[in-house]
């Protein structure tokens, strides 16, 4: 099958493109900067220059394709790239291009916690509105809500590993008991590939790893895998919120925003984890995955 993919140059997108090509599919990817897509070229991926605002590029992307995998998302707003512009308006254009091209299958990346409730972050609200566009599209669809995704290109996990190596202590926000359920990137990529191949897998699916860890346990596992476990020091949540509020002024350069802190404290466990029950994937434990790329001999 020919699969049209948005966000293929991103962390998860590169793995999904690789899994699809290994499984014998042709992949066509929308890329803003083709010069930065060497990995995709090496996989034999066809590149379409453009972005989500480029209707002509989306038409080229979807022409003759059997399915669309829509992955584009942001975690910090920057200039015109707002949450609404990327998650909602961008998804609307991709859905419309898929419908115009006669594509029947649409696989969409959302996030654990996506909802339209008072107090939800703009990230979660716009992710939910994007889901609604997919559900109302009339296309056969699968929507994925993964927990924290672990893999070699995970910038947050790499940053925490560097803290363990170079800082005498590692800060923990509040009591550190909020739940996480990190999932290995290759397991996520395989779930996406299976959903492309099996249209009967329809609906909204949460994806998580085999273990629910507190944030404190999450940090300790990263320290062990990095080979330099440091003591954890708890930071009062009020102080963390004040610091994040100050960081908000830095925009896209902020190391932690107020919204990101809120989502972290809300937790990202997946009580309806579908990775094994629906997709038959036996997920890799968090620390086993970490050792594949953080262990001192593998960095």
Protein backbone atom coordinates (compact mmCIF):
# COMPACT_ATOMS: atom_id res chain seq x y z
CA UNK A 1 0.00 0.00 0.00
CA UNK A 2 0.98 3.63 -0.47
CA UNK A 3 0.80 5.44 2.87
CA UNK A 4 0.78 9.26 3.10
CA UNK A 5 2.42 10.48 6.30
CA UNK A 6 2.60 13.90 7.94
CA UNK A 7 5.18 14.48 10.67
CA UNK A 8 7.48 11.75 9.34
CA UNK A 9 10.63 13.71 10.20
CA UNK A 10 9.67 13.88 13.88
CA UNK A 11 10.72 11.59 16.71
CA UNK A 12 7.87 9.10 16.34
CA UNK A 13 7.35 9.71 12.64
CA UNK A 14 10.78 8.42 11.66
CA UNK A 15 10.10 5.14 13.45
CA UNK A 16 6.64 4.78 11.91
CA UNK A 17 8.03 5.41 8.42
CA UNK A 18 10.74 2.80 9.03
CA UNK A 19 8.25 0.18 10.29
CA UNK A 20 5.92 0.80 7.33
CA UNK A 21 8.72 0.40 4.78
CA UNK A 22 10.01 -2.74 6.52
CA UNK A 23 6.53 -4.19 6.22
CA UNK A 24 6.56 -3.62 2.46
CA UNK A 25 4.57 -0.40 2.18
CA UNK A 26 5.48 2.60 0.03
CA UNK A 27 5.61 5.82 2.08
CA UNK A 28 5.10 9.37 0.85
CA UNK A 29 5.89 12.07 3.42
CA UNK A 30 5.07 15.76 3.74
CA UNK A 31 8.26 17.56 4.81
CA UNK A 32 8.91 21.23 5.44
CA UNK A 33 12.67 20.96 4.85
CA UNK A 34 13.62 18.11 2.50
CA UNK A 35 17.32 18.69 3.26
CA UNK A 36 16.63 17.51 6.84
CA UNK A 37 14.94 14.30 5.69
CA UNK A 38 18.01 12.24 4.79
CA UNK A 39 16.88 9.38 7.03
CA UNK A 40 13.60 9.17 5.15
CA UNK A 41 15.38 9.26 1.79
CA UNK A 42 17.59 6.37 2.89
CA UNK A 43 14.40 4.38 3.58
CA UNK A 44 13.12 5.04 0.09
CA UNK A 45 10.42 7.46 1.24
CA UNK A 46 9.02 9.82 -1.40
CA UNK A 47 9.19 13.44 -0.19
CA UNK A 48 6.58 16.13 -0.81
CA UNK A 49 7.86 19.61 0.14
CA UNK A 50 5.30 21.66 2.05
CA UNK A 51 3.42 22.04 5.31
CA UNK A 52 -0.10 21.74 6.67
CA UNK A 53 -1.07 25.17 5.31
CA UNK A 54 -0.07 24.20 1.76
CA UNK A 55 -3.23 22.82 0.12
CA UNK A 56 -1.42 21.97 -3.13
CA UNK A 57 1.21 19.96 -1.22
CA UNK A 58 -1.51 18.09 0.69
CA UNK A 59 -3.20 17.27 -2.62
CA UNK A 60 0.07 15.85 -3.94
CA UNK A 61 0.67 13.99 -0.68
CA UNK A 62 -2.66 12.19 -0.71
CA UNK A 63 -3.09 11.55 -4.45
CA UNK A 64 -3.32 7.80 -5.06
CA UNK A 65 -2.61 6.90 -1.42
CA UNK A 66 -4.46 4.12 0.36
CA UNK A 67 -4.22 5.60 3.87
CA UNK A 68 -3.08 8.70 5.75
CA UNK A 69 -1.06 8.68 8.96
CA UNK A 70 -1.32 12.15 10.52
CA UNK A 71 1.32 12.80 13.18
CA UNK A 72 2.05 16.52 13.17
CA UNK A 73 1.81 18.14 16.60
CA UNK A 74 3.56 20.73 18.74
CA UNK A 75 4.16 21.01 22.47
CA UNK A 76 5.06 24.73 22.52
CA UNK A 77 3.51 27.50 20.45
CA UNK A 78 5.85 29.56 18.28
CA UNK A 79 4.66 32.51 16.22
CA UNK A 80 1.88 31.45 13.84
CA UNK A 81 2.35 27.81 14.85
CA UNK A 82 -0.28 27.90 17.59
CA UNK A 83 -1.96 24.83 19.05
CA UNK A 84 -5.16 25.67 17.20
CA UNK A 85 -3.43 26.37 13.89
CA UNK A 86 -1.45 23.12 13.96
CA UNK A 87 -3.72 20.66 15.75
CA UNK A 88 -7.15 21.85 14.57
CA UNK A 89 -6.74 23.78 11.33
CA UNK A 90 -3.93 21.48 10.16
CA UNK A 91 -5.95 18.35 10.86
CA UNK A 92 -8.97 19.84 9.10
CA UNK A 93 -6.91 20.39 5.94
CA UNK A 94 -5.40 16.90 6.01
CA UNK A 95 -8.83 15.30 6.50
CA UNK A 96 -10.24 17.32 3.63
CA UNK A 97 -7.33 16.38 1.36
CA UNK A 98 -7.84 12.71 2.25
CA UNK A 99 -11.55 12.92 1.44
CA UNK A 100 -10.91 14.70 -1.85
CA UNK A 101 -8.39 12.00 -2.79
CA UNK A 102 -10.87 9.23 -2.06
CA UNK A 103 -8.79 7.79 0.77
CA UNK A 104 -10.75 5.55 3.10
CA UNK A 105 -8.37 5.06 6.06
CA UNK A 106 -7.12 7.79 8.41
CA UNK A 107 -4.80 7.10 11.37
CA UNK A 108 -4.34 10.00 13.75
CA UNK A 109 -1.93 10.85 16.57
CA UNK A 110 -3.54 12.41 19.63
CA UNK A 111 -2.47 12.29 23.30
CA UNK A 112 -3.47 10.84 26.65
CA UNK A 113 -5.62 13.39 28.43
CA UNK A 114 -7.13 14.96 25.31
CA UNK A 115 -10.44 16.53 26.37
CA UNK A 116 -12.53 19.67 26.09
CA UNK A 117 -13.04 20.51 29.74
CA UNK A 118 -12.65 23.62 31.81
CA UNK A 119 -9.13 23.68 33.16
CA UNK A 120 -7.65 21.48 30.44
CA UNK A 121 -4.57 22.87 28.76
CA UNK A 122 -4.81 24.37 25.24
CA UNK A 123 -2.71 21.41 24.07
CA UNK A 124 -5.24 18.88 25.34
CA UNK A 125 -8.26 20.87 24.16
CA UNK A 126 -6.95 21.29 20.62
CA UNK A 127 -5.95 17.63 20.47
CA UNK A 128 -9.52 16.75 21.41
CA UNK A 129 -10.98 19.06 18.76
CA UNK A 130 -8.69 17.45 16.17
CA UNK A 131 -10.01 14.04 17.23
CA UNK A 132 -13.55 15.29 16.67
CA UNK A 133 -12.68 16.31 13.12
CA UNK A 134 -11.38 12.82 12.42
CA UNK A 135 -14.42 11.15 13.99
CA UNK A 136 -16.81 13.32 11.95
CA UNK A 137 -14.90 12.85 8.69
CA UNK A 138 -16.77 9.79 7.49
CA UNK A 139 -13.43 8.05 7.01
CA UNK A 140 -12.52 4.73 8.57
CA UNK A 141 -10.20 5.86 11.35
CA UNK A 142 -8.04 5.00 14.32
CA UNK A 143 -7.05 7.65 16.87
CA UNK A 144 -4.10 6.96 19.15
CA UNK A 145 -3.50 8.48 22.58
CA UNK A 146 -0.04 7.37 23.69
CA UNK A 147 1.47 8.00 27.10
CA UNK A 148 5.05 9.33 27.36
CA UNK A 149 6.98 7.82 24.44
CA UNK A 150 10.50 6.59 25.14
CA UNK A 151 13.12 6.26 22.44
CA UNK A 152 16.58 7.44 21.37
CA UNK A 153 15.27 10.77 20.04
CA UNK A 154 13.20 11.66 23.13
CA UNK A 155 14.46 15.14 24.06
CA UNK A 156 12.83 15.22 27.56
CA UNK A 157 14.32 11.87 28.54
CA UNK A 158 17.73 12.84 27.14
CA UNK A 159 17.59 16.07 29.18
CA UNK A 160 16.78 14.17 32.38
CA UNK A 161 19.64 11.74 31.66
CA UNK A 162 22.04 14.69 31.34
CA UNK A 163 20.79 16.01 34.69
CA UNK A 164 21.70 12.69 36.28
CA UNK A 165 25.17 12.83 34.74
CA UNK A 166 26.08 16.43 35.48
CA UNK A 167 23.94 17.67 38.37
CA UNK A 168 24.55 16.65 41.99
CA UNK A 169 20.79 16.27 42.50
CA UNK A 170 17.70 15.91 40.32
CA UNK A 171 14.56 17.91 41.18
CA UNK A 172 11.17 16.25 41.65
CA UNK A 173 8.00 18.34 41.41
CA UNK A 174 5.72 18.04 44.42
CA UNK A 175 5.48 14.58 45.92
CA UNK A 176 6.48 12.93 42.63
CA UNK A 177 3.66 10.41 42.89
CA UNK A 178 1.76 11.34 39.73
CA UNK A 179 1.51 8.34 37.40
CA UNK A 180 3.32 7.76 34.13
CA UNK A 181 3.17 4.77 31.80
CA UNK A 182 6.02 5.24 29.32
CA UNK A 183 5.80 3.25 26.11
CA UNK A 184 8.62 2.21 23.76
CA UNK A 185 8.59 4.08 20.43
CA UNK A 186 8.89 0.93 18.32
CA UNK A 187 5.82 -0.52 20.04
CA UNK A 188 3.89 2.64 19.16
CA UNK A 189 5.15 2.50 15.56
CA UNK A 190 4.02 -1.10 15.20
CA UNK A 191 0.54 -0.25 16.53
CA UNK A 192 0.26 2.47 13.89
CA UNK A 193 1.34 0.07 11.13
CA UNK A 194 -1.15 -2.57 12.25
CA UNK A 195 -3.96 -0.01 12.30
CA UNK A 196 -3.11 0.99 8.72
CA UNK A 197 -3.22 -2.64 7.61
CA UNK A 198 -6.36 -3.61 9.53
CA UNK A 199 -9.27 -1.19 9.00
CA UNK A 200 -11.34 -3.26 11.41
CA UNK A 201 -9.26 -1.70 14.20
CA UNK A 202 -11.42 1.38 14.49
CA UNK A 203 -11.89 3.87 17.30
CA UNK A 204 -9.79 5.62 19.95
CA UNK A 205 -6.92 3.64 21.46
CA UNK A 206 -4.69 4.51 24.41
CA UNK A 207 -1.15 3.15 24.31
CA UNK A 208 1.12 2.64 27.30
CA UNK A 209 3.93 0.46 28.50
CA UNK A 210 3.57 -2.57 30.78
CA UNK A 211 4.17 -0.65 34.02
CA UNK A 212 2.60 2.33 35.73
CA UNK A 213 5.40 4.29 37.40
CA UNK A 214 5.29 7.30 39.66
CA UNK A 215 7.21 10.27 38.32
CA UNK A 216 9.81 9.63 41.01
CA UNK A 217 10.24 6.02 39.82
CA UNK A 218 10.42 7.32 36.23
CA UNK A 219 13.34 9.63 37.18
CA UNK A 220 15.17 6.92 39.13
CA UNK A 221 14.94 4.52 36.16
CA UNK A 222 16.51 7.14 33.88
CA UNK A 223 19.35 7.66 36.35
CA UNK A 224 20.09 3.94 36.56
CA UNK A 225 20.08 3.54 32.79
CA UNK A 226 22.37 6.56 32.34
CA UNK A 227 24.84 5.03 34.79
CA UNK A 228 24.83 8.04 37.13
CA UNK A 229 21.83 7.85 39.47
CA UNK A 230 21.62 11.03 41.54
CA UNK A 231 19.66 11.78 44.68
CA UNK A 232 16.21 13.24 44.10
CA UNK A 233 15.25 16.50 45.80
CA UNK A 234 11.57 17.36 46.08
CA UNK A 235 10.57 20.86 45.01
CA UNK A 236 7.31 22.26 46.42
CA UNK A 237 4.73 22.28 43.66
CA UNK A 238 3.94 25.95 44.27
CA UNK A 239 7.60 26.82 43.65
CA UNK A 240 7.67 24.69 40.51
CA UNK A 241 4.55 26.46 39.22
CA UNK A 242 6.11 29.85 39.90
CA UNK A 243 9.26 28.86 38.03
CA UNK A 244 7.26 27.49 35.09
CA UNK A 245 5.25 30.73 35.00
CA UNK A 246 8.49 32.69 34.70
CA UNK A 247 9.73 30.32 31.99
CA UNK A 248 6.52 30.95 30.02
CA UNK A 249 7.96 34.36 29.12
CA UNK A 250 10.69 32.60 27.12
CA UNK A 251 8.19 31.17 24.66
CA UNK A 252 9.52 28.24 22.62
CA UNK A 253 12.85 28.41 24.50
CA UNK A 254 11.23 27.63 27.87
CA UNK A 255 12.66 24.49 29.51
CA UNK A 256 9.27 23.91 31.18
CA UNK A 257 5.98 25.72 30.64
CA UNK A 258 3.04 26.02 32.99
CA UNK A 259 0.94 23.85 30.70
CA UNK A 260 3.61 21.16 30.52
CA UNK A 261 3.88 21.10 34.31
CA UNK A 262 0.10 20.80 34.60
CA UNK A 263 0.02 17.86 32.19
CA UNK A 264 2.87 16.17 34.03
CA UNK A 265 1.11 16.50 37.39
CA UNK A 266 -2.18 15.29 35.89
CA UNK A 267 -0.38 12.07 34.98
CA UNK A 268 -0.33 10.02 31.81
CA UNK A 269 -1.30 6.49 32.85
CA UNK A 270 -3.54 4.57 30.44
CA UNK A 271 -6.11 2.45 32.28
CA UNK A 272 -7.57 1.43 28.90
CA UNK A 273 -4.19 0.41 27.47
CA UNK A 274 -4.86 -1.24 24.09
CA UNK A 275 -1.30 -2.08 23.09
CA UNK A 276 -1.53 -5.75 24.03
CA UNK A 277 -5.26 -6.38 24.37
CA UNK A 278 -6.12 -4.95 20.94
CA UNK A 279 -2.89 -4.97 18.94
CA UNK A 280 -1.24 -8.06 20.41
CA UNK A 281 2.00 -6.22 21.09
CA UNK A 282 3.90 -7.28 24.17
CA UNK A 283 5.29 -3.91 25.28
CA UNK A 284 8.92 -3.47 26.27
CA UNK A 285 9.44 -2.41 29.93
CA UNK A 286 10.56 1.19 30.34
CA UNK A 287 13.99 0.49 31.80
CA UNK A 288 14.75 -2.18 29.20
CA UNK A 289 14.10 0.38 26.49
CA UNK A 290 16.19 3.02 28.27
CA UNK A 291 19.16 0.67 28.40
CA UNK A 292 19.07 0.42 24.61
CA UNK A 293 20.09 4.05 24.21
CA UNK A 294 21.16 5.52 27.57
CA UNK A 295 23.51 2.80 28.88
CA UNK A 296 27.07 4.24 29.02
CA UNK A 297 28.37 1.81 26.40
CA UNK A 298 25.63 2.76 23.91
CA UNK A 299 25.58 6.52 24.01
